[in-house]
Each structure stands twice: as C-alpha cells, then as structure tokens.
Amino acid sequence: MEQAHVHDIMQMMMESGKVYTRESLKKDIIEKFGITTTFHSCSESMMSAGDAVTFLEGRGKFIPSEEGFYTDESKKCSH
C-alpha cells in the first residue's frame, strides 16, 4: 500500500490552479495517487482520500471561493 503526506495533496492543488469541491478534490486525489494510497500528517496516519480532505479542511488549509475552495503556499506548514 502506498503512502503520501497531506502536503502532497496541497502541492497537487497548487500546481493544478483549480478551485475544488470536496468531491472534485477527492476524485483528483484518487486519480493522482491511486485508490489504495493512504495519507499521513504529523499527527494522523492511515487516512483515506476522503479522510485527508476532511483533515485538511479541519486544519484551515483551504481558502474559500464562490465556486468551492483552493489552497496556496501560505497554508502549508514549514516542517
């Protein structure tokens, strides 16, 4: 099983330049990383794509817009 850090999701979001909904982000995560990839952070592990979206949202990593949300470099922690 593959693992990736939630920062990899944020990087994907920034590189895409897209505005996401929860569902469109989950879809893009699965397309990029695969359905079986789990995600981790400094405090959590073994998160599914949906869990990772919820985690990032709960940590205030998304910037709201009229169509959904996006992220930028200012939302990443520097560790």
N, C-alpha and C. Protein backbone atom coordinates (compact mmCIF):
# COMPACT_ATOMS: atom_id res chain seq x y z
N MET A 1 0.84 -1.18 0.00
CA MET A 1 0.00 0.00 0.00
C MET A 1 0.88 1.24 0.00
N GLU A 2 0.57 2.15 -0.87
CA GLU A 2 1.32 3.40 -0.98
C GLU A 2 0.88 4.37 0.11
N GLN A 3 1.82 5.24 0.52
CA GLN A 3 1.53 6.29 1.48
C GLN A 3 2.03 7.61 0.94
N ALA A 4 1.34 8.69 1.30
CA ALA A 4 1.76 10.03 0.91
C ALA A 4 1.41 10.99 2.03
N HIS A 5 2.09 12.10 2.08
CA HIS A 5 1.83 13.13 3.10
C HIS A 5 0.72 14.04 2.59
N VAL A 6 -0.07 14.59 3.51
CA VAL A 6 -1.14 15.51 3.10
C VAL A 6 -0.58 16.74 2.39
N HIS A 7 0.68 17.09 2.64
CA HIS A 7 1.29 18.21 1.90
C HIS A 7 1.35 17.90 0.41
N ASP A 8 1.44 16.61 0.05
CA ASP A 8 1.44 16.24 -1.37
C ASP A 8 0.11 16.58 -2.02
N ILE A 9 -0.97 16.46 -1.27
CA ILE A 9 -2.29 16.86 -1.77
C ILE A 9 -2.32 18.36 -1.99
N MET A 10 -1.82 19.11 -1.01
CA MET A 10 -1.81 20.57 -1.14
C MET A 10 -0.95 21.00 -2.33
N GLN A 11 0.18 20.34 -2.54
CA GLN A 11 1.04 20.66 -3.67
C GLN A 11 0.31 20.39 -4.99
N MET A 12 -0.39 19.26 -5.06
CA MET A 12 -1.18 18.94 -6.25
C MET A 12 -2.21 20.04 -6.52
N MET A 13 -2.87 20.49 -5.46
CA MET A 13 -3.88 21.54 -5.60
C MET A 13 -3.27 22.82 -6.15
N MET A 14 -2.13 23.22 -5.60
CA MET A 14 -1.48 24.45 -6.04
C MET A 14 -1.02 24.35 -7.49
N GLU A 15 -0.45 23.21 -7.85
CA GLU A 15 0.04 23.03 -9.22
C GLU A 15 -1.10 23.02 -10.23
N SER A 16 -2.26 22.54 -9.82
CA SER A 16 -3.39 22.46 -10.76
C SER A 16 -4.02 23.82 -11.02
N GLY A 17 -3.97 24.71 -10.03
CA GLY A 17 -4.62 26.01 -10.16
C GLY A 17 -6.13 25.94 -10.14
N LYS A 18 -6.68 24.78 -9.80
CA LYS A 18 -8.13 24.58 -9.80
C LYS A 18 -8.78 25.09 -8.52
N VAL A 19 -10.07 25.36 -8.63
CA VAL A 19 -10.94 25.55 -7.48
C VAL A 19 -11.68 24.22 -7.31
N TYR A 20 -11.69 23.70 -6.10
CA TYR A 20 -12.24 22.37 -5.84
C TYR A 20 -13.51 22.42 -5.01
N THR A 21 -14.29 21.35 -5.13
CA THR A 21 -15.30 20.99 -4.14
C THR A 21 -14.72 19.79 -3.40
N ARG A 22 -15.35 19.38 -2.33
CA ARG A 22 -14.86 18.19 -1.61
C ARG A 22 -14.81 16.99 -2.56
N GLU A 23 -15.86 16.82 -3.36
CA GLU A 23 -15.92 15.66 -4.25
C GLU A 23 -14.90 15.75 -5.38
N SER A 24 -14.74 16.92 -5.97
CA SER A 24 -13.77 17.03 -7.08
C SER A 24 -12.34 16.86 -6.57
N LEU A 25 -12.07 17.32 -5.35
CA LEU A 25 -10.73 17.12 -4.78
C LEU A 25 -10.49 15.64 -4.51
N LYS A 26 -11.46 14.98 -3.90
CA LYS A 26 -11.31 13.55 -3.63
C LYS A 26 -11.07 12.79 -4.94
N LYS A 27 -11.81 13.13 -5.98
CA LYS A 27 -11.64 12.48 -7.29
C LYS A 27 -10.23 12.69 -7.83
N ASP A 28 -9.73 13.93 -7.78
CA ASP A 28 -8.38 14.21 -8.28
C ASP A 28 -7.31 13.52 -7.44
N ILE A 29 -7.51 13.44 -6.13
CA ILE A 29 -6.56 12.75 -5.26
C ILE A 29 -6.46 11.28 -5.68
N ILE A 30 -7.61 10.64 -5.85
CA ILE A 30 -7.62 9.23 -6.22
C ILE A 30 -7.00 9.03 -7.60
N GLU A 31 -7.29 9.93 -8.54
CA GLU A 31 -6.69 9.82 -9.88
C GLU A 31 -5.18 9.96 -9.83
N LYS A 32 -4.68 10.87 -9.01
CA LYS A 32 -3.23 11.11 -8.96
C LYS A 32 -2.49 10.06 -8.14
N PHE A 33 -3.02 9.73 -6.96
CA PHE A 33 -2.29 8.88 -6.02
C PHE A 33 -2.76 7.43 -6.01
N GLY A 34 -3.95 7.16 -6.51
CA GLY A 34 -4.48 5.80 -6.50
C GLY A 34 -5.46 5.57 -5.36
N ILE A 35 -6.38 4.67 -5.59
CA ILE A 35 -7.45 4.41 -4.64
C ILE A 35 -6.93 3.80 -3.33
N THR A 36 -5.82 3.08 -3.38
CA THR A 36 -5.33 2.40 -2.17
C THR A 36 -4.31 3.21 -1.38
N THR A 37 -3.90 4.36 -1.89
CA THR A 37 -2.93 5.19 -1.17
C THR A 37 -3.56 5.73 0.11
N THR A 38 -2.81 5.67 1.20
CA THR A 38 -3.24 6.29 2.44
C THR A 38 -2.37 7.52 2.69
N PHE A 39 -2.90 8.43 3.48
CA PHE A 39 -2.24 9.71 3.71
C PHE A 39 -1.94 9.88 5.19
N HIS A 40 -0.87 10.62 5.45
CA HIS A 40 -0.49 10.89 6.83
C HIS A 40 -0.10 12.35 6.98
N SER A 41 -0.09 12.76 8.23
CA SER A 41 0.38 14.10 8.61
C SER A 41 1.30 13.89 9.80
N CYS A 42 1.66 14.96 10.45
CA CYS A 42 2.48 14.83 11.66
C CYS A 42 1.69 14.18 12.80
N SER A 43 0.37 14.36 12.77
CA SER A 43 -0.44 13.88 13.90
C SER A 43 -1.40 12.75 13.55
N GLU A 44 -1.62 12.46 12.29
CA GLU A 44 -2.58 11.44 11.87
C GLU A 44 -1.92 10.51 10.85
N SER A 45 -2.48 9.31 10.74
CA SER A 45 -1.97 8.38 9.73
C SER A 45 -3.11 7.52 9.22
N MET A 46 -2.84 6.79 8.16
CA MET A 46 -3.79 5.85 7.56
C MET A 46 -5.11 6.51 7.15
N MET A 47 -5.03 7.73 6.61
CA MET A 47 -6.23 8.43 6.16
C MET A 47 -6.52 8.08 4.70
N SER A 48 -7.79 7.87 4.41
CA SER A 48 -8.23 7.71 3.01
C SER A 48 -8.22 9.09 2.35
N ALA A 49 -8.49 9.12 1.05
CA ALA A 49 -8.58 10.41 0.36
C ALA A 49 -9.64 11.30 1.01
N GLY A 50 -10.81 10.73 1.30
CA GLY A 50 -11.87 11.50 1.94
C GLY A 50 -11.50 11.98 3.32
N ASP A 51 -10.83 11.10 4.09
CA ASP A 51 -10.37 11.49 5.43
C ASP A 51 -9.36 12.63 5.34
N ALA A 52 -8.48 12.57 4.35
CA ALA A 52 -7.45 13.60 4.19
C ALA A 52 -8.09 14.95 3.84
N VAL A 53 -9.12 14.94 3.01
CA VAL A 53 -9.83 16.18 2.68
C VAL A 53 -10.45 16.76 3.95
N THR A 54 -11.10 15.92 4.74
CA THR A 54 -11.71 16.36 6.00
C THR A 54 -10.65 16.91 6.94
N PHE A 55 -9.52 16.22 7.03
CA PHE A 55 -8.42 16.66 7.89
C PHE A 55 -7.91 18.04 7.47
N LEU A 56 -7.63 18.21 6.18
CA LEU A 56 -7.11 19.49 5.69
C LEU A 56 -8.13 20.61 5.90
N GLU A 57 -9.38 20.32 5.65
CA GLU A 57 -10.43 21.31 5.86
C GLU A 57 -10.50 21.72 7.33
N GLY A 58 -10.43 20.73 8.21
CA GLY A 58 -10.48 20.99 9.65
C GLY A 58 -9.30 21.79 10.16
N ARG A 59 -8.18 21.71 9.47
CA ARG A 59 -6.98 22.44 9.86
C ARG A 59 -6.91 23.82 9.19
N GLY A 60 -7.96 24.19 8.47
CA GLY A 60 -7.99 25.52 7.85
C GLY A 60 -7.05 25.68 6.68
N LYS A 61 -6.78 24.59 5.96
CA LYS A 61 -5.82 24.63 4.85
C LYS A 61 -6.43 25.06 3.52
N PHE A 62 -7.75 25.26 3.49
CA PHE A 62 -8.43 25.65 2.26
C PHE A 62 -8.86 27.11 2.34
N ILE A 63 -8.81 27.77 1.20
CA ILE A 63 -9.24 29.16 1.07
C ILE A 63 -10.56 29.14 0.30
N PRO A 64 -11.65 29.62 0.92
CA PRO A 64 -12.95 29.57 0.24
C PRO A 64 -13.03 30.51 -0.96
N SER A 65 -13.80 30.11 -1.95
CA SER A 65 -14.11 30.97 -3.09
C SER A 65 -15.58 30.74 -3.44
N GLU A 66 -16.09 31.48 -4.39
CA GLU A 66 -17.50 31.33 -4.76
C GLU A 66 -17.82 29.94 -5.28
N GLU A 67 -16.88 29.32 -5.97
CA GLU A 67 -17.11 28.01 -6.58
C GLU A 67 -16.71 26.84 -5.69
N GLY A 68 -16.01 27.08 -4.60
CA GLY A 68 -15.52 25.99 -3.76
C GLY A 68 -14.38 26.47 -2.89
N PHE A 69 -13.19 25.89 -3.09
CA PHE A 69 -12.01 26.28 -2.32
C PHE A 69 -10.75 25.93 -3.09
N TYR A 70 -9.66 26.51 -2.65
CA TYR A 70 -8.33 26.25 -3.20
C TYR A 70 -7.35 26.39 -2.04
N THR A 71 -6.07 26.27 -2.31
CA THR A 71 -5.06 26.48 -1.29
C THR A 71 -3.88 27.21 -1.91
N ASP A 72 -3.01 27.73 -1.07
CA ASP A 72 -1.77 28.33 -1.57
C ASP A 72 -0.66 28.08 -0.57
N GLU A 73 0.52 28.52 -0.93
CA GLU A 73 1.74 28.24 -0.13
C GLU A 73 1.61 28.71 1.31
N SER A 74 0.87 29.78 1.55
CA SER A 74 0.73 30.32 2.91
C SER A 74 0.02 29.35 3.85
N LYS A 75 -0.68 28.37 3.32
CA LYS A 75 -1.42 27.42 4.14
C LYS A 75 -0.60 26.19 4.53
N LYS A 76 0.58 26.04 3.93
CA LYS A 76 1.43 24.89 4.27
C LYS A 76 2.26 25.22 5.50
N CYS A 77 2.41 24.26 6.38
CA CYS A 77 3.34 24.46 7.49
C CYS A 77 4.75 24.16 6.98
N SER A 78 5.74 24.64 7.69
CA SER A 78 7.11 24.58 7.14
C SER A 78 7.99 23.56 7.85
N HIS A 79 7.46 22.39 8.11
CA HIS A 79 8.31 21.37 8.72
C HIS A 79 8.50 20.19 7.80
